PDB file of N, CA and C in Angstrom:
ATOM      1  N   MET A   1     -27.761  -6.871  16.879  1.00  0.00           N
ATOM      2  CA  MET A   1     -27.000  -6.696  17.779  1.00  0.00           C
ATOM      3  C   MET A   1     -27.165  -8.106  18.594  1.00  0.00           C
ATOM      4  N   LYS A   2     -26.257  -8.753  19.161  1.00  0.00           N
ATOM      5  CA  LYS A   2     -26.732  -9.755  19.684  1.00  0.00           C
ATOM      6  C   LYS A   2     -26.811  -9.053  21.520  1.00  0.00           C
ATOM      7  N   LYS A   3     -27.758  -9.809  21.981  1.00  0.00           N
ATOM      8  CA  LYS A   3     -27.564  -9.209  23.274  1.00  0.00           C
ATOM      9  C   LYS A   3     -26.767 -10.020  24.491  1.00  0.00           C
ATOM     10  N   ASP A   4     -26.558  -9.248  25.373  1.00  0.00           N
ATOM     11  CA  ASP A   4     -25.607  -9.639  26.776  1.00  0.00           C
ATOM     12  C   ASP A   4     -24.775  -9.933  26.265  1.00  0.00           C
ATOM     13  N   ILE A   5     -23.702  -9.710  25.921  1.00  0.00           N
ATOM     14  CA  ILE A   5     -22.703  -9.917  25.367  1.00  0.00           C
ATOM     15  C   ILE A   5     -21.878  -8.939  25.871  1.00  0.00           C
ATOM     16  N   HIS A   6     -22.077  -7.331  26.340  1.00  0.00           N
ATOM     17  CA  HIS A   6     -21.373  -6.348  26.571  1.00  0.00           C
ATOM     18  C   HIS A   6     -21.239  -6.294  28.272  1.00  0.00           C
ATOM     19  N   PRO A   7     -20.123  -5.620  28.428  1.00  0.00           N
ATOM     20  CA  PRO A   7     -20.348  -5.709  30.043  1.00  0.00           C
ATOM     21  C   PRO A   7     -20.744  -4.633  30.718  1.00  0.00           C
ATOM     22  N   GLN A   8     -21.645  -4.789  32.054  1.00  0.00           N
ATOM     23  CA  GLN A   8     -22.148  -3.738  32.438  1.00  0.00           C
ATOM     24  C   GLN A   8     -21.856  -3.065  33.675  1.00  0.00           C
ATOM     25  N   ASN A   9     -20.248  -3.814  33.725  1.00  0.00           N
ATOM     26  CA  ASN A   9     -20.005  -3.188  35.357  1.00  0.00           C
ATOM     27  C   ASN A   9     -18.891  -1.823  34.964  1.00  0.00           C
ATOM     28  N   TYR A  10     -19.241  -0.843  34.075  1.00  0.00           N
ATOM     29  CA  TYR A  10     -18.773   0.488  34.095  1.00  0.00           C
ATOM     30  C   TYR A  10     -18.518   1.359  35.457  1.00  0.00           C
ATOM     31  N   ARG A  11     -17.369   1.788  35.197  1.00  0.00           N
ATOM     32  CA  ARG A  11     -17.278   2.475  36.265  1.00  0.00           C
ATOM     33  C   ARG A  11     -16.190   4.145  35.749  1.00  0.00           C
ATOM     34  N   LEU A  12     -16.023   4.734  36.849  1.00  0.00           N
ATOM     35  CA  LEU A  12     -14.964   5.869  36.211  1.00  0.00           C
ATOM     36  C   LEU A  12     -13.563   5.426  36.849  1.00  0.00           C
ATOM     37  N   VAL A  13     -12.826   5.579  35.445  1.00  0.00           N
ATOM     38  CA  VAL A  13     -11.619   5.086  35.992  1.00  0.00           C
ATOM     39  C   VAL A  13     -10.195   6.259  35.577  1.00  0.00           C
ATOM     40  N   ALA A  14      -9.240   6.272  36.811  1.00  0.00           N
ATOM     41  CA  ALA A  14      -8.013   7.558  36.428  1.00  0.00           C
ATOM     42  C   ALA A  14      -7.316   6.571  35.209  1.00  0.00           C
ATOM     43  N   PHE A  15      -6.762   7.044  34.092  1.00  0.00           N
ATOM     44  CA  PHE A  15      -5.672   7.129  33.222  1.00  0.00           C
ATOM     45  C   PHE A  15      -4.682   7.729  33.358  1.00  0.00           C
ATOM     46  N   LYS A  16      -3.302   7.275  33.618  1.00  0.00           N
ATOM     47  CA  LYS A  16      -2.180   8.099  33.364  1.00  0.00           C
ATOM     48  C   LYS A  16      -1.416   8.356  32.705  1.00  0.00           C
ATOM     49  N   ASP A  17      -0.982   9.125  32.068  1.00  0.00           N
ATOM     50  CA  ASP A  17       0.210   8.827  30.855  1.00  0.00           C
ATOM     51  C   ASP A  17       1.430   8.667  31.463  1.00  0.00           C
ATOM     52  N   MET A  18       2.710   7.801  32.025  1.00  0.00           N
ATOM     53  CA  MET A  18       3.634   8.016  32.597  1.00  0.00           C
ATOM     54  C   MET A  18       4.768   8.566  32.294  1.00  0.00           C
ATOM     55  N   SER A  19       4.477   8.687  30.933  1.00  0.00           N
ATOM     56  CA  SER A  19       5.625   9.348  29.990  1.00  0.00           C
ATOM     57  C   SER A  19       5.481  10.922  30.189  1.00  0.00           C
ATOM     58  N   ASN A  20       4.486  11.334  30.529  1.00  0.00           N
ATOM     59  CA  ASN A  20       4.009  13.178  30.854  1.00  0.00           C
ATOM     60  C   ASN A  20       3.121  13.287  32.082  1.00  0.00           C
ATOM     61  N   GLU A  21       3.162  12.497  32.806  1.00  0.00           N
ATOM     62  CA  GLU A  21       2.152  12.564  34.031  1.00  0.00           C
ATOM     63  C   GLU A  21       0.847  13.326  34.284  1.00  0.00           C
ATOM     64  N   ASP A  22      -0.027  13.165  32.828  1.00  0.00           N
ATOM     65  CA  ASP A  22      -1.139  13.673  32.285  1.00  0.00           C
ATOM     66  C   ASP A  22      -2.566  12.398  32.977  1.00  0.00           C
ATOM     67  N   VAL A  23      -3.315  12.897  33.542  1.00  0.00           N
ATOM     68  CA  VAL A  23      -4.019  12.021  33.916  1.00  0.00           C
ATOM     69  C   VAL A  23      -5.821  12.863  33.519  1.00  0.00           C
ATOM     70  N   PHE A  24      -6.527  11.469  32.900  1.00  0.00           N
ATOM     71  CA  PHE A  24      -7.735  11.777  32.397  1.00  0.00           C
ATOM     72  C   PHE A  24      -8.411  10.696  33.082  1.00  0.00           C
ATOM     73  N   ILE A  25      -9.983  10.964  33.135  1.00  0.00           N
ATOM     74  CA  ILE A  25     -11.041  10.159  33.720  1.00  0.00           C
ATOM     75  C   ILE A  25     -12.023   9.536  32.640  1.00  0.00           C
ATOM     76  N   THR A  26     -12.283   8.379  32.673  1.00  0.00           N
ATOM     77  CA  THR A  26     -13.351   7.992  32.172  1.00  0.00           C
ATOM     78  C   THR A  26     -13.563   6.515  32.393  1.00  0.00           C
ATOM     79  N   LYS A  27     -14.916   5.971  31.746  1.00  0.00           N
ATOM     80  CA  LYS A  27     -15.384   4.857  32.194  1.00  0.00           C
ATOM     81  C   LYS A  27     -14.631   3.634  31.493  1.00  0.00           C
ATOM     82  N   SER A  28     -14.699   2.790  32.419  1.00  0.00           N
ATOM     83  CA  SER A  28     -14.062   1.752  32.053  1.00  0.00           C
ATOM     84  C   SER A  28     -14.126  -0.160  32.745  1.00  0.00           C
ATOM     85  N   THR A  29     -14.108  -0.729  32.026  1.00  0.00           N
ATOM     86  CA  THR A  29     -14.384  -2.159  33.276  1.00  0.00           C
ATOM     87  C   THR A  29     -12.732  -2.834  33.051  1.00  0.00           C
ATOM     88  N   ALA A  30     -11.481  -2.263  32.874  1.00  0.00           N
ATOM     89  CA  ALA A  30     -10.613  -2.692  32.943  1.00  0.00           C
ATOM     90  C   ALA A  30     -10.513  -2.964  34.963  1.00  0.00           C
ATOM     91  N   ASN A  31      -9.619  -4.419  35.050  1.00  0.00           N
ATOM     92  CA  ASN A  31      -9.344  -4.389  36.557  1.00  0.00           C
ATOM     93  C   ASN A  31      -8.235  -3.845  36.958  1.00  0.00           C
ATOM     94  N   THR A  32      -7.826  -3.504  38.106  1.00  0.00           N
ATOM     95  CA  THR A  32      -6.641  -2.966  38.635  1.00  0.00           C
ATOM     96  C   THR A  32      -6.556  -2.785  39.877  1.00  0.00           C
ATOM     97  N   LYS A  33      -5.558  -2.831  40.296  1.00  0.00           N
ATOM     98  CA  LYS A  33      -5.151  -3.030  42.252  1.00  0.00           C
ATOM     99  C   LYS A  33      -4.796  -1.555  42.636  1.00  0.00           C
ATOM    100  N   GLU A  34      -4.462  -0.616  41.644  1.00  0.00           N
ATOM    101  CA  GLU A  34      -3.861   0.622  42.064  1.00  0.00           C
ATOM    102  C   GLU A  34      -4.832   1.916  42.122  1.00  0.00           C
ATOM    103  N   THR A  35      -4.396   2.895  43.164  1.00  0.00           N
ATOM    104  CA  THR A  35      -6.012   3.823  43.000  1.00  0.00           C
ATOM    105  C   THR A  35      -5.081   5.042  42.762  1.00  0.00           C
ATOM    106  N   LEU A  36      -5.879   6.276  42.374  1.00  0.00           N
ATOM    107  CA  LEU A  36      -5.207   7.618  42.203  1.00  0.00           C
ATOM    108  C   LEU A  36      -6.129   8.553  42.666  1.00  0.00           C
ATOM    109  N   GLU A  37      -5.810   9.465  43.552  1.00  0.00           N
ATOM    110  CA  GLU A  37      -6.827  10.374  44.114  1.00  0.00           C
ATOM    111  C   GLU A  37      -6.507  11.600  43.057  1.00  0.00           C
ATOM    112  N   VAL A  38      -7.731  12.045  42.596  1.00  0.00           N
ATOM    113  CA  VAL A  38      -7.799  13.325  41.869  1.00  0.00           C
ATOM    114  C   VAL A  38      -9.092  14.250  42.198  1.00  0.00           C
ATOM    115  N   GLU A  39      -8.879  15.319  42.719  1.00  0.00           N
ATOM    116  CA  GLU A  39      -9.518  16.507  43.087  1.00  0.00           C
ATOM    117  C   GLU A  39     -10.119  15.911  44.128  1.00  0.00           C
ATOM    118  N   GLY A  40      -9.751  15.018  45.149  1.00  0.00           N
ATOM    119  CA  GLY A  40     -10.414  14.809  46.104  1.00  0.00           C
ATOM    120  C   GLY A  40     -11.045  13.476  46.125  1.00  0.00           C
ATOM    121  N   VAL A  41     -11.185  12.584  45.142  1.00  0.00           N
ATOM    122  CA  VAL A  41     -12.102  12.027  44.780  1.00  0.00           C
ATOM    123  C   VAL A  41     -11.408  10.681  44.182  1.00  0.00           C
ATOM    124  N   GLU A  42     -11.115   9.253  45.249  1.00  0.00           N
ATOM    125  CA  GLU A  42      -9.921   8.257  44.731  1.00  0.00           C
ATOM    126  C   GLU A  42     -10.731   7.524  43.342  1.00  0.00           C
ATOM    127  N   TYR A  43      -9.612   7.469  42.726  1.00  0.00           N
ATOM    128  CA  TYR A  43     -10.464   6.222  41.328  1.00  0.00           C
ATOM    129  C   TYR A  43      -9.334   5.062  41.328  1.00  0.00           C
ATOM    130  N   PRO A  44     -10.025   4.087  40.714  1.00  0.00           N
ATOM    131  CA  PRO A  44      -8.833   2.897  40.034  1.00  0.00           C
ATOM    132  C   PRO A  44      -7.987   3.693  39.169  1.00  0.00           C
ATOM    133  N   LEU A  45      -7.008   3.183  39.064  1.00  0.00           N
ATOM    134  CA  LEU A  45      -5.751   3.589  38.412  1.00  0.00           C
ATOM    135  C   LEU A  45      -5.289   2.670  37.437  1.00  0.00           C
ATOM    136  N   ILE A  46      -5.053   3.138  35.903  1.00  0.00           N
ATOM    137  CA  ILE A  46      -4.664   1.961  34.617  1.00  0.00           C
ATOM    138  C   ILE A  46      -3.150   3.279  34.127  1.00  0.00           C
ATOM    139  N   LYS A  47      -1.943   2.354  34.078  1.00  0.00           N
ATOM    140  CA  LYS A  47      -0.824   3.218  33.652  1.00  0.00           C
ATOM    141  C   LYS A  47      -1.076   2.892  32.183  1.00  0.00           C
ATOM    142  N   LEU A  48      -1.037   4.397  31.357  1.00  0.00           N
ATOM    143  CA  LEU A  48      -0.536   4.190  29.982  1.00  0.00           C
ATOM    144  C   LEU A  48       1.163   4.825  30.235  1.00  0.00           C
ATOM    145  N   GLU A  49       1.598   3.944  28.888  1.00  0.00           N
ATOM    146  CA  GLU A  49       2.717   4.760  28.320  1.00  0.00           C
ATOM    147  C   GLU A  49       2.648   5.691  27.267  1.00  0.00           C
ATOM    148  N   ILE A  50       1.611   5.630  26.580  1.00  0.00           N
ATOM    149  CA  ILE A  50       1.409   6.889  25.556  1.00  0.00           C
ATOM    150  C   ILE A  50      -0.086   6.951  25.719  1.00  0.00           C
ATOM    151  N   SER A  51      -0.265   8.128  25.363  1.00  0.00           N
ATOM    152  CA  SER A  51      -1.605   8.402  25.132  1.00  0.00           C
ATOM    153  C   SER A  51      -2.075   9.532  24.166  1.00  0.00           C
ATOM    154  N   ARG A  52      -3.139  10.802  23.933  1.00  0.00           N
ATOM    155  CA  ARG A  52      -3.044  11.479  23.261  1.00  0.00           C
ATOM    156  C   ARG A  52      -2.376  12.367  23.293  1.00  0.00           C
ATOM    157  N   THR A  53      -1.839  12.365  24.766  1.00  0.00           N
ATOM    158  CA  THR A  53      -0.583  13.761  24.863  1.00  0.00           C
ATOM    159  C   THR A  53       0.430  13.767  24.973  1.00  0.00           C
ATOM    160  N   SER A  54       1.101  12.580  24.185  1.00  0.00           N
ATOM    161  CA  SER A  54       2.142  12.403  24.197  1.00  0.00           C
ATOM    162  C   SER A  54       2.408  11.674  22.568  1.00  0.00           C
ATOM    163  N   HIS A  55       1.771  10.776  22.240  1.00  0.00           N
ATOM    164  CA  HIS A  55       1.804   9.860  20.747  1.00  0.00           C
ATOM    165  C   HIS A  55       2.149  10.990  20.079  1.00  0.00           C
ATOM    166  N   PRO A  56       3.279  11.146  19.043  1.00  0.00           N
ATOM    167  CA  PRO A  56       3.666  11.596  17.950  1.00  0.00           C
ATOM    168  C   PRO A  56       2.355  12.259  17.371  1.00  0.00           C
ATOM    169  N   PHE A  57       1.558  11.357  16.496  1.00  0.00           N
ATOM    170  CA  PHE A  57       0.652  11.725  15.803  1.00  0.00           C
ATOM    171  C   PHE A  57      -0.072  12.785  16.237  1.00  0.00           C
ATOM    172  N   TYR A  58      -1.012  12.826  17.353  1.00  0.00           N
ATOM    173  CA  TYR A  58      -1.571  13.656  17.912  1.00  0.00           C
ATOM    174  C   TYR A  58      -0.495  15.049  18.492  1.00  0.00           C
ATOM    175  N   THR A  59       0.609  15.217  18.728  1.00  0.00           N
ATOM    176  CA  THR A  59       1.489  16.018  19.181  1.00  0.00           C
ATOM    177  C   THR A  59       1.905  16.888  18.222  1.00  0.00           C
ATOM    178  N   GLY A  60       2.300  16.718  16.874  1.00  0.00           N
ATOM    179  CA  GLY A  60       3.083  16.984  16.060  1.00  0.00           C
ATOM    180  C   GLY A  60       4.406  16.577  16.173  1.00  0.00           C
ATOM    181  N   LYS A  61       5.104  16.378  17.124  1.00  0.00           N
ATOM    182  CA  LYS A  61       6.219  16.154  17.663  1.00  0.00           C
ATOM    183  C   LYS A  61       6.709  14.726  17.086  1.00  0.00           C
ATOM    184  N   ALA A  62       7.682  14.473  16.704  1.00  0.00           N
ATOM    185  CA  ALA A  62       8.677  13.134  16.588  1.00  0.00           C
ATOM    186  C   ALA A  62       9.412  12.635  17.996  1.00  0.00           C
ATOM    187  N   LYS A  63       8.768  12.103  18.716  1.00  0.00           N
ATOM    188  CA  LYS A  63       9.761  11.732  19.597  1.00  0.00           C
ATOM    189  C   LYS A  63       9.740  10.029  19.984  1.00  0.00           C
ATOM    190  N   LEU A  64      11.005   9.439  20.220  1.00  0.00           N
ATOM    191  CA  LEU A  64      11.746   8.290  20.575  1.00  0.00           C
ATOM    192  C   LEU A  64      11.498   8.483  21.911  1.00  0.00           C
ATOM    193  N   VAL A  65      10.758   7.299  22.317  1.00  0.00           N
ATOM    194  CA  VAL A  65      10.463   6.650  23.425  1.00  0.00           C
ATOM    195  C   VAL A  65      11.488   5.028  23.400  1.00  0.00           C
ATOM    196  N   ASP A  66      12.305   5.351  24.095  1.00  0.00           N
ATOM    197  CA  ASP A  66      13.285   3.961  23.991  1.00  0.00           C
ATOM    198  C   ASP A  66      13.539   3.591  25.615  1.00  0.00           C
ATOM    199  N   THR A  67      12.624   3.236  26.845  1.00  0.00           N
ATOM    200  CA  THR A  67      13.165   3.183  27.916  1.00  0.00           C
ATOM    201  C   THR A  67      14.376   1.964  28.027  1.00  0.00           C
ATOM    202  N   ALA A  68      13.757   1.225  27.484  1.00  0.00           N
ATOM    203  CA  ALA A  68      14.692  -0.125  27.321  1.00  0.00           C
ATOM    204  C   ALA A  68      15.943  -0.454  27.175  1.00  0.00           C
ATOM    205  N   GLY A  69      16.494   0.690  25.837  1.00  0.00           N
ATOM    206  CA  GLY A  69      17.675   0.572  24.825  1.00  0.00           C
ATOM    207  C   GLY A  69      17.590  -0.388  23.554  1.00  0.00           C
ATOM    208  N   ARG A  70      16.116  -0.635  23.564  1.00  0.00           N
ATOM    209  CA  ARG A  70      15.936  -1.496  22.555  1.00  0.00           C
ATOM    210  C   ARG A  70      16.667  -1.365  21.077  1.00  0.00           C
ATOM    211  N   ILE A  71      16.783  -0.037  20.656  1.00  0.00           N
ATOM    212  CA  ILE A  71      17.590   0.059  19.544  1.00  0.00           C
ATOM    213  C   ILE A  71      18.590   0.259  19.859  1.00  0.00           C
ATOM    214  N   ASP A  72      19.330   0.514  20.257  1.00  0.00           N
ATOM    215  CA  ASP A  72      21.085   0.250  20.684  1.00  0.00           C
ATOM    216  C   ASP A  72      20.680  -1.566  20.657  1.00  0.00           C
ATOM    217  N   LYS A  73      20.369  -2.235  21.501  1.00  0.00           N
ATOM    218  CA  LYS A  73      20.331  -3.794  21.559  1.00  0.00           C
ATOM    219  C   LYS A  73      20.350  -4.101  19.834  1.00  0.00           C
ATOM    220  N   PHE A  74      18.873  -3.813  19.026  1.00  0.00           N
ATOM    221  CA  PHE A  74      19.130  -4.048  17.905  1.00  0.00           C
ATOM    222  C   PHE A  74      19.924  -4.015  17.244  1.00  0.00           C
ATOM    223  N   LYS A  75      20.507  -2.873  17.409  1.00  0.00           N
ATOM    224  CA  LYS A  75      21.854  -2.409  16.472  1.00  0.00           C
ATOM    225  C   LYS A  75      23.037  -3.064  16.509  1.00  0.00           C
ATOM    226  N   ASN A  76      23.105  -3.413  17.989  1.00  0.00           N
ATOM    227  CA  ASN A  76      24.220  -4.222  17.870  1.00  0.00           C
ATOM    228  C   ASN A  76      23.900  -5.625  18.031  1.00  0.00           C
ATOM    229  N   LYS A  77      23.128  -6.655  17.908  1.00  0.00           N
ATOM    230  CA  LYS A  77      22.791  -7.386  17.657  1.00  0.00           C
ATOM    231  C   LYS A  77      23.040  -7.800  16.105  1.00  0.00           C
ATOM    232  N   TYR A  78      22.620  -7.235  15.357  1.00  0.00           N
ATOM    233  CA  TYR A  78      22.485  -7.210  13.543  1.00  0.00           C
ATOM    234  C   TYR A  78      23.954  -6.126  13.014  1.00  0.00           C
ATOM    235  N   LYS A  79      24.855  -5.749  13.744  1.00  0.00           N
ATOM    236  CA  LYS A  79      26.110  -5.019  13.547  1.00  0.00           C
ATOM    237  C   LYS A  79      26.637  -6.079  12.717  1.00  0.00           C
ATOM    238  N   LYS A  80      27.122  -7.400  12.756  1.00  0.00           N
ATOM    239  CA  LYS A  80      27.458  -7.890  11.855  1.00  0.00           C
ATOM    240  C   LYS A  80      27.638  -8.145  10.459  1.00  0.00           C
ATOM    241  N   PHE A  81      25.969  -7.750  10.276  1.00  0.00           N
ATOM    242  CA  PHE A  81      25.544  -8.347   9.132  1.00  0.00           C
ATOM    243  C   PHE A  81      25.519  -6.975   8.332  1.00  0.00           C
ATOM    244  N   ASP A  82      26.269  -5.780   9.139  1.00  0.00           N
ATOM    245  CA  ASP A  82      26.468  -4.453   8.168  1.00  0.00           C
ATOM    246  C   ASP A  82      26.946  -4.925   6.481  1.00  0.00           C
ATOM    247  N   LYS A  83      26.704  -4.179   5.720  1.00  0.00           N
ATOM    248  CA  LYS A  83      27.315  -4.438   4.488  1.00  0.00           C
ATOM    249  C   LYS A  83      28.425  -3.219   3.679  1.00  0.00           C
ATOM    250  N   LYS A  84      29.316  -2.741   4.829  1.00  0.00           N
ATOM    251  CA  LYS A  84      30.100  -1.350   4.508  1.00  0.00           C
ATOM    252  C   LYS A  84      31.036  -2.233   3.853  1.00  0.00           C
TER     253      LYS A  84
END
């Protein structure tokens, strides 16, 4: 294994799933300007769209996340190619 290629500045960081407000703390080197207080301790905050608590593979539920209306945009864009 190569020496001195891995970061040394690991610290505890709060990851927050924005779809269900779940928060978990783990070590990371990711940079962020936002912080979040968890149980009286302030941590750097990384926001996630999907995590282990909201991903269909882990929850066993098929859940459609379409916050920007992307599916409707796609259907409208390619409606003219519909072969009915």
